[in-house]
Structure formats: C-alpha cells, structure tokens
Amino acid sequence: MHRSFLGWMVMAALLTAGCAERAPEPQASRTQEAKVSPTVAAEAPAPPEAPTVSESDAMAGSSEGKIVKSEEQWKKELTPEQFYVMREKGTERAFTGKYWDTKTPGIYKCAGCGAVLFESETKFDSGCGWPSFYQAIDDKRILEHVDRSHGMVRTEVTCARCGAHLGHVFDDGPNPTGLRYCINSVSIDLEAKKTQDPAKE
C-alpha cells in the first residue's frame, strides 16, 4: 500500500505540471486588450487645419483693396472740415459745399481714398443744398448703415473702401431709381471729364 500510494502521488504531480504548462494566459491581459482596442478605434479625428488668411478674409466678406488707417493718420491727411464730416460723421452746412450746384461733367471720387463713387450724369438738382445723385456708380462701393442720431432714423452711406462718411440716401429721388444720395461736398472730389481738342477732331 505504501509504495502504491507513493506512485500515485508522483503520477498526480506529473499530471498537475503538464496541465500548468497548457494553462491559458491570465484573463487580466485580455481584459487590458479589451480596454485598449475600443479606445483606439473610437479615437477622435484630428481637428481641421486653421483657415488661411485669404480664406478668413473671404469668410469675413472683406472688400478688395480695403484701406484701414488710424484716426490720427486720417487727421494728418484730411482738412479739419473733412475730418469732422468723413471721420466724425458731421455735416457741412447746406448750400455751402463746392459741388452742390456744379454741372461739370466727370466722375466723383471719395476724398479719402480716391474710389470712384458717382458719375455726373446721375447728379440732379434736388434743392436740398447738397450734391445729390440718383445712383451710385457701383452698389458695392457704397455701404449703408442705420443712423438713429438727432432723433431721426436715416440711412447713412459710407465709402466701402475706407469707411468715410459720405452722407445719407433717401427714397424721394427721381426715376429710374427713386433714390437721392445726399452727399457732403467735402467727402468727394470731382475729376472733370477731359474735353477733346477741336483741332484734333
């Protein structure tokens, strides 16, 4: 009996060792893999690249060739009356501006930046005492803003290129637009149309 018992003990030890060699990997490692794999699969996509400067300008709707200067720079470049009207949104006195009754053919440019704003063909005598036009040369060159100053609600117009205050626009003008751009003379410069020399005709 004693020898048989020893033999049985030896055989049991050998069987136990063999089972240990074939034992599966610890569950802890699989659990860790299960934690890592979903994380990698659900990884958030990389953030989009920041837009370039030109794209930012396009999204902001910026005007091509827009001029931006400090008020101190404008004060050095403009006359006191121009600065008061164009940068501080003042108004020249009626019937005192140099263009209120002129009929000289040509184009009217912004006195601040030279942008072409109106043509003499669209200028008319409104009797208000300021240069009046029924149409801008291009709607994109003039911006409109609600003006609630002085207890009134009006539509202010400014130069789209440099932001200079030009005057106001009203809906009591002649055909074909029915508009009246009431503009301060100090805000614009007239470039007279060149007349052809009769000798060269």
N, C-alpha and C. Protein backbone atom coordinates (compact mmCIF):
# COMPACT_ATOMS: atom_id res chain seq x y z
N MET A 1 0.82 -1.20 0.00
CA MET A 1 0.00 0.00 0.00
C MET A 1 0.86 1.25 0.00
N HIS A 2 1.94 1.24 0.77
CA HIS A 2 2.78 2.42 0.88
C HIS A 2 3.41 2.77 -0.46
N ARG A 3 3.93 1.73 -1.18
CA ARG A 3 4.53 2.01 -2.48
C ARG A 3 3.49 2.47 -3.48
N SER A 4 2.32 1.87 -3.41
CA SER A 4 1.26 2.29 -4.36
C SER A 4 0.86 3.74 -4.12
N PHE A 5 0.81 4.10 -2.85
CA PHE A 5 0.43 5.49 -2.53
C PHE A 5 1.48 6.47 -3.03
N LEU A 6 2.78 6.13 -2.91
CA LEU A 6 3.85 7.00 -3.39
C LEU A 6 3.79 7.12 -4.90
N GLY A 7 3.50 5.99 -5.58
CA GLY A 7 3.43 6.03 -7.03
C GLY A 7 2.27 6.91 -7.51
N TRP A 8 1.19 6.82 -6.79
CA TRP A 8 0.02 7.66 -7.15
C TRP A 8 0.32 9.14 -6.97
N MET A 9 1.07 9.48 -5.92
CA MET A 9 1.44 10.86 -5.63
C MET A 9 2.35 11.41 -6.73
N VAL A 10 3.30 10.57 -7.18
CA VAL A 10 4.22 11.01 -8.24
C VAL A 10 3.47 11.26 -9.53
N MET A 11 2.54 10.33 -9.86
CA MET A 11 1.76 10.49 -11.10
C MET A 11 0.88 11.74 -11.04
N ALA A 12 0.31 12.00 -9.88
CA ALA A 12 -0.55 13.19 -9.74
C ALA A 12 0.26 14.47 -9.91
N ALA A 13 1.50 14.49 -9.39
CA ALA A 13 2.37 15.66 -9.53
C ALA A 13 2.72 15.91 -10.98
N LEU A 14 2.99 14.83 -11.73
CA LEU A 14 3.34 14.98 -13.15
C LEU A 14 2.16 15.50 -13.96
N LEU A 15 0.98 14.98 -13.66
CA LEU A 15 -0.21 15.44 -14.37
C LEU A 15 -0.49 16.92 -14.10
N THR A 16 -0.28 17.32 -12.86
CA THR A 16 -0.52 18.73 -12.48
C THR A 16 0.44 19.65 -13.21
N ALA A 17 1.70 19.28 -13.33
CA ALA A 17 2.71 20.08 -14.02
C ALA A 17 2.35 20.21 -15.49
N GLY A 18 1.88 19.12 -16.11
CA GLY A 18 1.53 19.18 -17.52
C GLY A 18 0.37 20.10 -17.77
N CYS A 19 -0.61 20.10 -16.91
CA CYS A 19 -1.77 20.99 -17.05
C CYS A 19 -1.36 22.44 -16.88
N ALA A 20 -0.40 22.72 -16.01
CA ALA A 20 0.05 24.08 -15.78
C ALA A 20 0.71 24.64 -17.02
N GLU A 21 1.43 23.81 -17.80
CA GLU A 21 2.09 24.29 -18.99
C GLU A 21 1.09 24.67 -20.08
N ARG A 22 -0.07 23.94 -20.10
CA ARG A 22 -1.05 24.22 -21.12
C ARG A 22 -2.13 25.20 -20.67
N ALA A 23 -1.96 25.79 -19.50
CA ALA A 23 -2.97 26.70 -18.97
C ALA A 23 -3.06 27.95 -19.84
N PRO A 24 -4.25 28.49 -20.05
CA PRO A 24 -4.42 29.70 -20.88
C PRO A 24 -3.78 30.91 -20.23
N GLU A 25 -3.55 31.96 -21.01
CA GLU A 25 -2.96 33.19 -20.48
C GLU A 25 -3.89 33.80 -19.46
N PRO A 26 -3.35 34.51 -18.51
CA PRO A 26 -4.18 35.13 -17.47
C PRO A 26 -5.22 36.05 -18.12
N GLN A 27 -6.43 36.09 -17.56
CA GLN A 27 -7.51 36.90 -18.09
C GLN A 27 -7.23 38.39 -18.00
N ALA A 28 -6.33 38.78 -17.12
CA ALA A 28 -6.03 40.19 -16.92
C ALA A 28 -5.51 40.81 -18.21
N SER A 29 -4.65 40.10 -18.96
CA SER A 29 -4.07 40.66 -20.18
C SER A 29 -5.15 40.86 -21.24
N ARG A 30 -6.10 39.98 -21.37
CA ARG A 30 -7.18 40.12 -22.34
C ARG A 30 -8.09 41.29 -21.95
N THR A 31 -8.28 41.37 -20.65
CA THR A 31 -9.12 42.48 -20.19
C THR A 31 -8.50 43.80 -20.57
N GLN A 32 -7.17 43.87 -20.42
CA GLN A 32 -6.47 45.10 -20.77
C GLN A 32 -6.56 45.37 -22.26
N GLU A 33 -6.45 44.31 -23.10
CA GLU A 33 -6.59 44.49 -24.54
C GLU A 33 -7.99 45.00 -24.87
N ALA A 34 -8.98 44.47 -24.17
CA ALA A 34 -10.35 44.90 -24.43
C ALA A 34 -10.54 46.37 -24.09
N LYS A 35 -9.78 46.85 -23.11
CA LYS A 35 -9.88 48.26 -22.73
C LYS A 35 -9.17 49.16 -23.72
N VAL A 36 -8.06 48.66 -24.29
CA VAL A 36 -7.26 49.49 -25.18
C VAL A 36 -7.85 49.55 -26.58
N SER A 37 -8.25 48.42 -27.14
CA SER A 37 -8.70 48.39 -28.53
C SER A 37 -9.86 49.33 -28.82
N PRO A 38 -10.96 49.32 -28.01
CA PRO A 38 -12.04 50.25 -28.32
C PRO A 38 -11.61 51.70 -28.26
N THR A 39 -10.68 52.01 -27.38
CA THR A 39 -10.21 53.38 -27.27
C THR A 39 -9.54 53.84 -28.56
N VAL A 40 -8.71 52.95 -29.12
CA VAL A 40 -8.03 53.28 -30.36
C VAL A 40 -9.03 53.42 -31.49
N ALA A 41 -10.02 52.51 -31.53
CA ALA A 41 -11.00 52.54 -32.61
C ALA A 41 -11.86 53.80 -32.56
N ALA A 42 -12.14 54.27 -31.31
CA ALA A 42 -13.02 55.43 -31.15
C ALA A 42 -12.25 56.74 -31.05
N GLU A 43 -10.98 56.71 -31.41
CA GLU A 43 -10.15 57.91 -31.31
C GLU A 43 -10.74 59.03 -32.16
N ALA A 44 -10.86 60.23 -31.59
CA ALA A 44 -11.46 61.38 -32.30
C ALA A 44 -10.60 61.78 -33.48
N PRO A 45 -11.22 62.20 -34.59
CA PRO A 45 -10.43 62.62 -35.76
C PRO A 45 -9.65 63.88 -35.46
N ALA A 46 -8.56 64.08 -36.17
CA ALA A 46 -7.72 65.26 -35.95
C ALA A 46 -8.50 66.51 -36.30
N PRO A 47 -8.35 67.61 -35.53
CA PRO A 47 -9.08 68.85 -35.82
C PRO A 47 -8.69 69.41 -37.17
N PRO A 48 -9.63 70.07 -37.87
CA PRO A 48 -9.30 70.63 -39.19
C PRO A 48 -8.25 71.72 -39.09
N GLU A 49 -7.51 71.88 -40.15
CA GLU A 49 -6.47 72.90 -40.15
C GLU A 49 -7.08 74.29 -40.12
N ALA A 50 -6.39 75.23 -39.49
CA ALA A 50 -6.90 76.60 -39.42
C ALA A 50 -6.94 77.20 -40.82
N PRO A 51 -8.00 78.02 -41.12
CA PRO A 51 -8.09 78.59 -42.46
C PRO A 51 -6.95 79.55 -42.74
N THR A 52 -6.59 79.65 -44.00
CA THR A 52 -5.54 80.57 -44.38
C THR A 52 -6.05 81.99 -44.28
N VAL A 53 -5.17 82.97 -44.39
CA VAL A 53 -5.56 84.37 -44.28
C VAL A 53 -6.57 84.74 -45.36
N SER A 54 -6.31 84.29 -46.61
CA SER A 54 -7.22 84.63 -47.70
C SER A 54 -8.60 84.04 -47.47
N GLU A 55 -8.66 82.82 -46.92
CA GLU A 55 -9.95 82.21 -46.65
C GLU A 55 -10.68 82.96 -45.55
N SER A 56 -9.95 83.42 -44.54
CA SER A 56 -10.56 84.18 -43.47
C SER A 56 -11.14 85.48 -44.00
N ASP A 57 -10.39 86.14 -44.87
CA ASP A 57 -10.88 87.38 -45.47
C ASP A 57 -12.15 87.13 -46.26
N ALA A 58 -12.16 86.01 -47.00
CA ALA A 58 -13.33 85.70 -47.83
C ALA A 58 -14.55 85.47 -46.95
N MET A 59 -14.36 84.74 -45.82
CA MET A 59 -15.48 84.46 -44.93
C MET A 59 -15.97 85.74 -44.27
N ALA A 60 -15.08 86.66 -44.03
CA ALA A 60 -15.47 87.91 -43.39
C ALA A 60 -16.07 88.89 -44.39
N GLY A 61 -16.02 88.56 -45.65
CA GLY A 61 -16.59 89.43 -46.66
C GLY A 61 -15.83 90.72 -46.83
N SER A 62 -14.54 90.67 -46.65
CA SER A 62 -13.75 91.89 -46.75
C SER A 62 -13.68 92.40 -48.17
N SER A 63 -13.63 93.72 -48.35
CA SER A 63 -13.56 94.33 -49.67
C SER A 63 -12.12 94.32 -50.18
N GLU A 64 -11.98 94.05 -51.46
CA GLU A 64 -10.65 94.03 -52.06
C GLU A 64 -10.06 95.43 -52.04
N GLY A 65 -8.81 95.56 -51.59
CA GLY A 65 -8.15 96.86 -51.55
C GLY A 65 -8.65 97.76 -50.44
N LYS A 66 -9.27 97.18 -49.41
CA LYS A 66 -9.80 97.99 -48.32
C LYS A 66 -8.67 98.74 -47.61
N ILE A 67 -8.92 100.01 -47.29
CA ILE A 67 -7.92 100.86 -46.65
C ILE A 67 -8.28 101.05 -45.18
N VAL A 68 -7.34 100.74 -44.32
CA VAL A 68 -7.54 100.90 -42.88
C VAL A 68 -6.42 101.76 -42.32
N LYS A 69 -6.79 102.88 -41.69
CA LYS A 69 -5.82 103.78 -41.08
C LYS A 69 -6.32 104.20 -39.70
N SER A 70 -5.40 104.61 -38.86
CA SER A 70 -5.80 105.10 -37.54
C SER A 70 -6.41 106.49 -37.69
N GLU A 71 -7.20 106.89 -36.72
CA GLU A 71 -7.82 108.22 -36.77
C GLU A 71 -6.75 109.32 -36.75
N GLU A 72 -5.63 109.05 -36.12
CA GLU A 72 -4.53 110.02 -36.11
C GLU A 72 -3.96 110.20 -37.52
N GLN A 73 -3.87 109.11 -38.27
CA GLN A 73 -3.39 109.20 -39.64
C GLN A 73 -4.37 110.00 -40.50
N TRP A 74 -5.66 109.73 -40.34
CA TRP A 74 -6.66 110.47 -41.09
C TRP A 74 -6.61 111.96 -40.75
N LYS A 75 -6.40 112.25 -39.49
CA LYS A 75 -6.38 113.65 -39.06
C LYS A 75 -5.23 114.41 -39.73
N LYS A 76 -4.13 113.72 -40.00
CA LYS A 76 -2.99 114.36 -40.67
C LYS A 76 -3.23 114.55 -42.16
N GLU A 77 -4.01 113.65 -42.75
CA GLU A 77 -4.21 113.68 -44.20
C GLU A 77 -5.41 114.53 -44.64
N LEU A 78 -6.39 114.70 -43.79
CA LEU A 78 -7.60 115.43 -44.14
C LEU A 78 -7.60 116.84 -43.55
N THR A 79 -8.38 117.72 -44.17
CA THR A 79 -8.57 119.05 -43.59
C THR A 79 -9.46 118.90 -42.35
N PRO A 80 -9.45 119.88 -41.46
CA PRO A 80 -10.31 119.80 -40.27
C PRO A 80 -11.78 119.55 -40.63
N GLU A 81 -12.29 120.23 -41.67
CA GLU A 81 -13.69 120.04 -42.06
C GLU A 81 -13.91 118.64 -42.61
N GLN A 82 -12.97 118.14 -43.42
CA GLN A 82 -13.09 116.79 -43.94
C GLN A 82 -13.07 115.77 -42.82
N PHE A 83 -12.20 115.95 -41.85
CA PHE A 83 -12.12 115.00 -40.75
C PHE A 83 -13.42 115.01 -39.95
N TYR A 84 -13.96 116.19 -39.72
CA TYR A 84 -15.21 116.32 -38.98
C TYR A 84 -16.35 115.58 -39.68
N VAL A 85 -16.44 115.74 -41.00
CA VAL A 85 -17.52 115.11 -41.75
C VAL A 85 -17.24 113.63 -42.01
N MET A 86 -16.06 113.31 -42.54
CA MET A 86 -15.78 111.97 -43.01
C MET A 86 -15.46 110.96 -41.91
N ARG A 87 -14.85 111.44 -40.83
CA ARG A 87 -14.47 110.51 -39.77
C ARG A 87 -15.34 110.63 -38.52
N GLU A 88 -15.91 111.81 -38.31
CA GLU A 88 -16.76 112.01 -37.13
C GLU A 88 -18.24 112.11 -37.50
N LYS A 89 -18.56 111.84 -38.75
CA LYS A 89 -19.93 111.79 -39.24
C LYS A 89 -20.67 113.12 -39.07
N GLY A 90 -19.96 114.20 -39.32
CA GLY A 90 -20.58 115.51 -39.28
C GLY A 90 -21.26 115.84 -40.59
N THR A 91 -21.80 117.07 -40.71
CA THR A 91 -22.48 117.51 -41.93
C THR A 91 -22.11 118.95 -42.22
N GLU A 92 -21.74 119.21 -43.45
CA GLU A 92 -21.46 120.58 -43.84
C GLU A 92 -22.78 121.35 -43.98
N ARG A 93 -22.73 122.64 -43.85
CA ARG A 93 -23.95 123.45 -43.95
C ARG A 93 -24.48 123.44 -45.38
N ALA A 94 -25.80 123.42 -45.49
CA ALA A 94 -26.45 123.39 -46.81
C ALA A 94 -26.07 124.62 -47.63
N PHE A 95 -25.95 124.42 -48.93
CA PHE A 95 -25.64 125.47 -49.91
C PHE A 95 -24.26 126.12 -49.69
N THR A 96 -23.37 125.42 -48.99
CA THR A 96 -22.02 125.96 -48.79
C THR A 96 -20.96 125.10 -49.46
N GLY A 97 -21.27 123.86 -49.82
CA GLY A 97 -20.29 122.96 -50.43
C GLY A 97 -19.97 123.36 -51.86
N LYS A 98 -18.78 122.99 -52.29
CA LYS A 98 -18.33 123.40 -53.62
C LYS A 98 -19.03 122.67 -54.76
N TYR A 99 -19.73 121.58 -54.48
CA TYR A 99 -20.34 120.81 -55.57
C TYR A 99 -21.87 120.82 -55.55
N TRP A 100 -22.49 121.55 -54.64
CA TRP A 100 -23.94 121.41 -54.50
C TRP A 100 -24.68 121.80 -55.78
N ASP A 101 -24.12 122.76 -56.58
CA ASP A 101 -24.81 123.18 -57.79
C ASP A 101 -23.96 123.07 -59.06
N THR A 102 -22.83 122.37 -58.96
CA THR A 102 -21.98 122.25 -60.15
C THR A 102 -22.60 121.31 -61.18
N LYS A 103 -22.36 121.62 -62.42
CA LYS A 103 -22.86 120.79 -63.52
C LYS A 103 -21.72 120.32 -64.42
N THR A 104 -20.51 120.39 -63.91
CA THR A 104 -19.33 119.97 -64.67
C THR A 104 -19.35 118.46 -64.90
N PRO A 105 -19.20 118.02 -66.14
CA PRO A 105 -19.17 116.57 -66.43
C PRO A 105 -17.93 115.92 -65.83
N GLY A 106 -18.07 114.73 -65.35
CA GLY A 106 -16.93 114.00 -64.81
C GLY A 106 -17.37 112.91 -63.84
N ILE A 107 -16.42 112.44 -63.06
CA ILE A 107 -16.71 111.42 -62.06
C ILE A 107 -16.35 111.95 -60.68
N TYR A 108 -17.10 111.50 -59.68
CA TYR A 108 -16.87 111.93 -58.30
C TYR A 108 -16.23 110.78 -57.51
N LYS A 109 -15.09 111.10 -56.91
CA LYS A 109 -14.33 110.11 -56.16
C LYS A 109 -14.38 110.41 -54.66
N CYS A 110 -14.12 109.37 -53.85
CA CYS A 110 -14.03 109.55 -52.41
C CYS A 110 -12.82 110.42 -52.11
N ALA A 111 -13.02 111.46 -51.32
CA ALA A 111 -11.92 112.37 -50.98
C ALA A 111 -10.91 111.71 -50.05
N GLY A 112 -11.25 110.59 -49.48
CA GLY A 112 -10.34 109.91 -48.57
C GLY A 112 -9.43 108.91 -49.24
N CYS A 113 -9.96 108.17 -50.22
CA CYS A 113 -9.16 107.10 -50.82
C CYS A 113 -9.16 107.11 -52.35
N GLY A 114 -9.97 107.94 -52.97
CA GLY A 114 -9.96 108.02 -54.42
C GLY A 114 -10.86 107.02 -55.13
N ALA A 115 -11.64 106.25 -54.38
CA ALA A 115 -12.55 105.30 -55.01
C ALA A 115 -13.62 106.05 -55.80
N VAL A 116 -13.90 105.59 -57.01
CA VAL A 116 -14.92 106.23 -57.85
C VAL A 116 -16.31 105.86 -57.32
N LEU A 117 -17.14 106.88 -57.02
CA LEU A 117 -18.43 106.64 -56.38
C LEU A 117 -19.64 107.03 -57.23
N PHE A 118 -19.56 108.19 -57.91
CA PHE A 118 -20.70 108.68 -58.67
C PHE A 118 -20.24 109.24 -60.02
N GLU A 119 -21.19 109.31 -60.96
CA GLU A 119 -20.97 109.94 -62.25
C GLU A 119 -21.82 111.20 -62.35
N SER A 120 -21.32 112.18 -63.05
CA SER A 120 -22.04 113.45 -63.18
C SER A 120 -23.39 113.27 -63.87
N GLU A 121 -23.52 112.25 -64.71
CA GLU A 121 -24.78 112.01 -65.40
C GLU A 121 -25.92 111.67 -64.45
N THR A 122 -25.57 111.20 -63.25
CA THR A 122 -26.62 110.82 -62.29
C THR A 122 -26.85 111.91 -61.24
N LYS A 123 -26.19 113.04 -61.39
CA LYS A 123 -26.35 114.15 -60.45
C LYS A 123 -27.57 114.98 -60.87
N PHE A 124 -28.34 115.45 -59.90
CA PHE A 124 -29.51 116.26 -60.21
C PHE A 124 -29.72 117.32 -59.13
N ASP A 125 -30.49 118.33 -59.45
CA ASP A 125 -30.76 119.42 -58.52
C ASP A 125 -31.96 119.05 -57.66
N SER A 126 -31.68 118.69 -56.43
CA SER A 126 -32.75 118.28 -55.52
C SER A 126 -33.30 119.44 -54.70
N GLY A 127 -32.56 120.58 -54.71
CA GLY A 127 -32.99 121.74 -53.93
C GLY A 127 -32.68 121.63 -52.45
N CYS A 128 -31.94 120.58 -52.05
CA CYS A 128 -31.66 120.38 -50.62
C CYS A 128 -30.40 121.12 -50.17
N GLY A 129 -29.58 121.57 -51.11
CA GLY A 129 -28.37 122.29 -50.74
C GLY A 129 -27.11 121.45 -50.66
N TRP A 130 -27.24 120.16 -51.00
CA TRP A 130 -26.07 119.27 -51.04
C TRP A 130 -26.04 118.58 -52.39
N PRO A 131 -24.87 118.15 -52.86
CA PRO A 131 -24.80 117.39 -54.10
C PRO A 131 -25.70 116.16 -54.00
N SER A 132 -26.52 115.93 -55.01
CA SER A 132 -27.46 114.81 -54.98
C SER A 132 -27.32 113.95 -56.23
N PHE A 133 -27.36 112.66 -56.04
CA PHE A 133 -27.23 111.70 -57.14
C PHE A 133 -28.35 110.66 -56.99
N TYR A 134 -28.86 110.18 -58.11
CA TYR A 134 -29.92 109.17 -58.02
C TYR A 134 -29.37 107.75 -58.12
N GLN A 135 -28.06 107.63 -58.35
CA GLN A 135 -27.48 106.29 -58.46
C GLN A 135 -25.99 106.32 -58.20
N ALA A 136 -25.50 105.31 -57.49
CA ALA A 136 -24.06 105.16 -57.29
C ALA A 136 -23.49 104.43 -58.50
N ILE A 137 -22.21 104.63 -58.76
CA ILE A 137 -21.60 104.00 -59.93
C ILE A 137 -21.54 102.48 -59.76
N ASP A 138 -21.51 102.02 -58.52
CA ASP A 138 -21.49 100.59 -58.22
C ASP A 138 -21.96 100.42 -56.78
N ASP A 139 -23.00 99.62 -56.59
CA ASP A 139 -23.55 99.42 -55.25
C ASP A 139 -22.52 98.87 -54.27
N LYS A 140 -21.54 98.12 -54.78
CA LYS A 140 -20.55 97.52 -53.89
C LYS A 140 -19.55 98.54 -53.35
N ARG A 141 -19.52 99.74 -53.94
CA ARG A 141 -18.56 100.74 -53.49
C ARG A 141 -19.11 101.63 -52.38
N ILE A 142 -20.39 101.45 -52.07
CA ILE A 142 -21.02 102.25 -51.02
C ILE A 142 -21.75 101.31 -50.06
N LEU A 143 -21.54 101.52 -48.77
CA LEU A 143 -22.21 100.71 -47.75
C LEU A 143 -23.29 101.54 -47.07
N GLU A 144 -24.36 100.88 -46.66
CA GLU A 144 -25.46 101.55 -45.98
C GLU A 144 -25.53 101.12 -44.51
N HIS A 145 -25.88 102.07 -43.65
CA HIS A 145 -25.99 101.81 -42.22
C HIS A 145 -27.19 102.55 -41.65
N VAL A 146 -27.83 101.97 -40.65
CA VAL A 146 -28.95 102.65 -39.98
C VAL A 146 -28.37 103.74 -39.09
N ASP A 147 -28.89 104.96 -39.24
CA ASP A 147 -28.44 106.11 -38.46
C ASP A 147 -29.61 106.63 -37.62
N ARG A 148 -29.50 106.52 -36.30
CA ARG A 148 -30.57 106.95 -35.39
C ARG A 148 -30.20 108.24 -34.64
N SER A 149 -29.23 108.96 -35.16
CA SER A 149 -28.80 110.19 -34.48
C SER A 149 -29.81 111.33 -34.69
N HIS A 150 -29.74 112.31 -33.81
CA HIS A 150 -30.56 113.52 -33.89
C HIS A 150 -32.06 113.22 -33.88
N GLY A 151 -32.45 112.14 -33.23
CA GLY A 151 -33.86 111.81 -33.10
C GLY A 151 -34.53 111.37 -34.39
N MET A 152 -33.73 110.97 -35.38
CA MET A 152 -34.27 110.53 -36.67
C MET A 152 -33.74 109.14 -37.00
N VAL A 153 -34.42 108.49 -37.93
CA VAL A 153 -33.95 107.21 -38.44
C VAL A 153 -33.66 107.39 -39.93
N ARG A 154 -32.38 107.40 -40.27
CA ARG A 154 -31.97 107.61 -41.66
C ARG A 154 -31.03 106.50 -42.09
N THR A 155 -30.71 106.50 -43.37
CA THR A 155 -29.76 105.51 -43.90
C THR A 155 -28.47 106.22 -44.27
N GLU A 156 -27.45 105.99 -43.48
CA GLU A 156 -26.13 106.59 -43.73
C GLU A 156 -25.44 105.82 -44.85
N VAL A 157 -24.66 106.53 -45.65
CA VAL A 157 -23.85 105.87 -46.67
C VAL A 157 -22.38 106.20 -46.42
N THR A 158 -21.54 105.18 -46.55
CA THR A 158 -20.10 105.34 -46.35
C THR A 158 -19.35 104.71 -47.51
N CYS A 159 -18.12 105.11 -47.69
CA CYS A 159 -17.26 104.52 -48.71
C CYS A 159 -16.88 103.11 -48.26
N ALA A 160 -17.12 102.12 -49.14
CA ALA A 160 -16.83 100.74 -48.78
C ALA A 160 -15.33 100.48 -48.66
N ARG A 161 -14.54 101.33 -49.29
CA ARG A 161 -13.09 101.09 -49.30
C ARG A 161 -12.39 101.63 -48.06
N CYS A 162 -12.77 102.84 -47.62
CA CYS A 162 -12.06 103.43 -46.47
C CYS A 162 -12.97 103.76 -45.29
N GLY A 163 -14.28 103.56 -45.45
CA GLY A 163 -15.20 103.79 -44.34
C GLY A 163 -15.58 105.24 -44.11
N ALA A 164 -15.22 106.14 -45.02
CA ALA A 164 -15.53 107.56 -44.84
C ALA A 164 -17.03 107.81 -44.91
N HIS A 165 -17.51 108.68 -44.01
CA HIS A 165 -18.92 109.08 -44.05
C HIS A 165 -19.12 109.99 -45.26
N LEU A 166 -20.13 109.65 -46.08
CA LEU A 166 -20.41 110.43 -47.28
C LEU A 166 -21.65 111.30 -47.10
N GLY A 167 -22.67 110.75 -46.50
CA GLY A 167 -23.93 111.46 -46.33
C GLY A 167 -25.04 110.47 -46.04
N HIS A 168 -26.22 110.66 -46.67
CA HIS A 168 -27.35 109.76 -46.46
C HIS A 168 -28.06 109.52 -47.79
N VAL A 169 -28.83 108.45 -47.84
CA VAL A 169 -29.62 108.14 -49.02
C VAL A 169 -31.09 108.11 -48.63
N PHE A 170 -31.94 108.70 -49.49
CA PHE A 170 -33.38 108.77 -49.23
C PHE A 170 -34.13 108.20 -50.43
N ASP A 171 -35.38 107.86 -50.21
CA ASP A 171 -36.17 107.26 -51.29
C ASP A 171 -37.13 108.27 -51.93
N ASP A 172 -36.69 109.51 -52.04
CA ASP A 172 -37.52 110.54 -52.67
C ASP A 172 -36.83 111.12 -53.92
N GLY A 173 -36.02 110.31 -54.56
CA GLY A 173 -35.31 110.77 -55.75
C GLY A 173 -36.08 110.52 -57.03
N PRO A 174 -35.52 110.93 -58.15
CA PRO A 174 -36.18 110.76 -59.45
C PRO A 174 -36.02 109.36 -60.02
N ASN A 175 -36.71 109.11 -61.11
CA ASN A 175 -36.53 107.85 -61.83
C ASN A 175 -35.14 107.83 -62.47
N PRO A 176 -34.56 106.71 -62.73
CA PRO A 176 -35.18 105.39 -62.69
C PRO A 176 -35.05 104.67 -61.35
N THR A 177 -34.32 105.22 -60.38
CA THR A 177 -34.09 104.51 -59.12
C THR A 177 -35.01 104.97 -57.99
N GLY A 178 -35.45 106.23 -58.05
CA GLY A 178 -36.25 106.76 -56.95
C GLY A 178 -35.42 107.08 -55.72
N LEU A 179 -34.10 107.09 -55.86
CA LEU A 179 -33.20 107.34 -54.74
C LEU A 179 -32.58 108.74 -54.83
N ARG A 180 -32.21 109.24 -53.66
CA ARG A 180 -31.48 110.52 -53.60
C ARG A 180 -30.31 110.35 -52.64
N TYR A 181 -29.13 110.23 -53.22
CA TYR A 181 -27.90 110.18 -52.41
C TYR A 181 -27.52 111.62 -52.10
N CYS A 182 -27.71 112.01 -50.86
CA CYS A 182 -27.41 113.38 -50.42
C CYS A 182 -26.00 113.37 -49.83
N ILE A 183 -25.04 113.92 -50.56
CA ILE A 183 -23.62 113.74 -50.24
C ILE A 183 -22.96 115.07 -49.86
N ASN A 184 -22.09 115.02 -48.86
CA ASN A 184 -21.32 116.20 -48.48
C ASN A 184 -20.23 116.47 -49.51
N SER A 185 -20.09 117.74 -49.89
CA SER A 185 -19.07 118.09 -50.90
C SER A 185 -17.67 117.77 -50.43
N VAL A 186 -17.40 117.93 -49.12
CA VAL A 186 -16.04 117.69 -48.62
C VAL A 186 -15.67 116.21 -48.65
N SER A 187 -16.67 115.34 -48.83
CA SER A 187 -16.39 113.90 -48.85
C SER A 187 -16.03 113.38 -50.23
N ILE A 188 -16.18 114.23 -51.25
CA ILE A 188 -15.93 113.78 -52.62
C ILE A 188 -15.05 114.78 -53.37
N ASP A 189 -14.40 114.29 -54.41
CA ASP A 189 -13.58 115.11 -55.31
C ASP A 189 -14.06 114.87 -56.73
N LEU A 190 -14.26 115.93 -57.47
CA LEU A 190 -14.69 115.82 -58.86
C LEU A 190 -13.48 115.75 -59.79
N GLU A 191 -13.46 114.71 -60.59
CA GLU A 191 -12.45 114.60 -61.65
C GLU A 191 -13.17 114.94 -62.94
N ALA A 192 -12.94 116.17 -63.42
CA ALA A 192 -13.66 116.66 -64.60
C ALA A 192 -13.32 115.84 -65.82
N LYS A 193 -14.32 115.67 -66.66
CA LYS A 193 -14.13 114.92 -67.90
C LYS A 193 -13.27 115.75 -68.85
N LYS A 194 -12.29 115.12 -69.45
CA LYS A 194 -11.39 115.82 -70.37
C LYS A 194 -12.13 116.12 -71.66
N THR A 195 -12.07 117.36 -72.06
CA THR A 195 -12.71 117.74 -73.33
C THR A 195 -11.72 117.58 -74.46
N GLN A 196 -12.20 117.07 -75.56
CA GLN A 196 -11.32 116.82 -76.71
C GLN A 196 -11.00 118.13 -77.43
N ASP A 197 -9.75 118.27 -77.82
CA ASP A 197 -9.31 119.47 -78.54
C ASP A 197 -9.97 119.52 -79.92
N PRO A 198 -10.79 120.55 -80.20
CA PRO A 198 -11.48 120.64 -81.50
C PRO A 198 -10.52 120.56 -82.68
N ALA A 199 -9.26 121.01 -82.50
CA ALA A 199 -8.29 121.00 -83.59
C ALA A 199 -7.93 119.57 -84.00
N LYS A 200 -8.15 118.59 -83.04
CA LYS A 200 -7.77 117.21 -83.32
C LYS A 200 -8.94 116.40 -83.83
N GLU A 201 -10.11 117.00 -83.87
CA GLU A 201 -11.28 116.27 -84.35
C GLU A 201 -11.22 116.07 -85.87
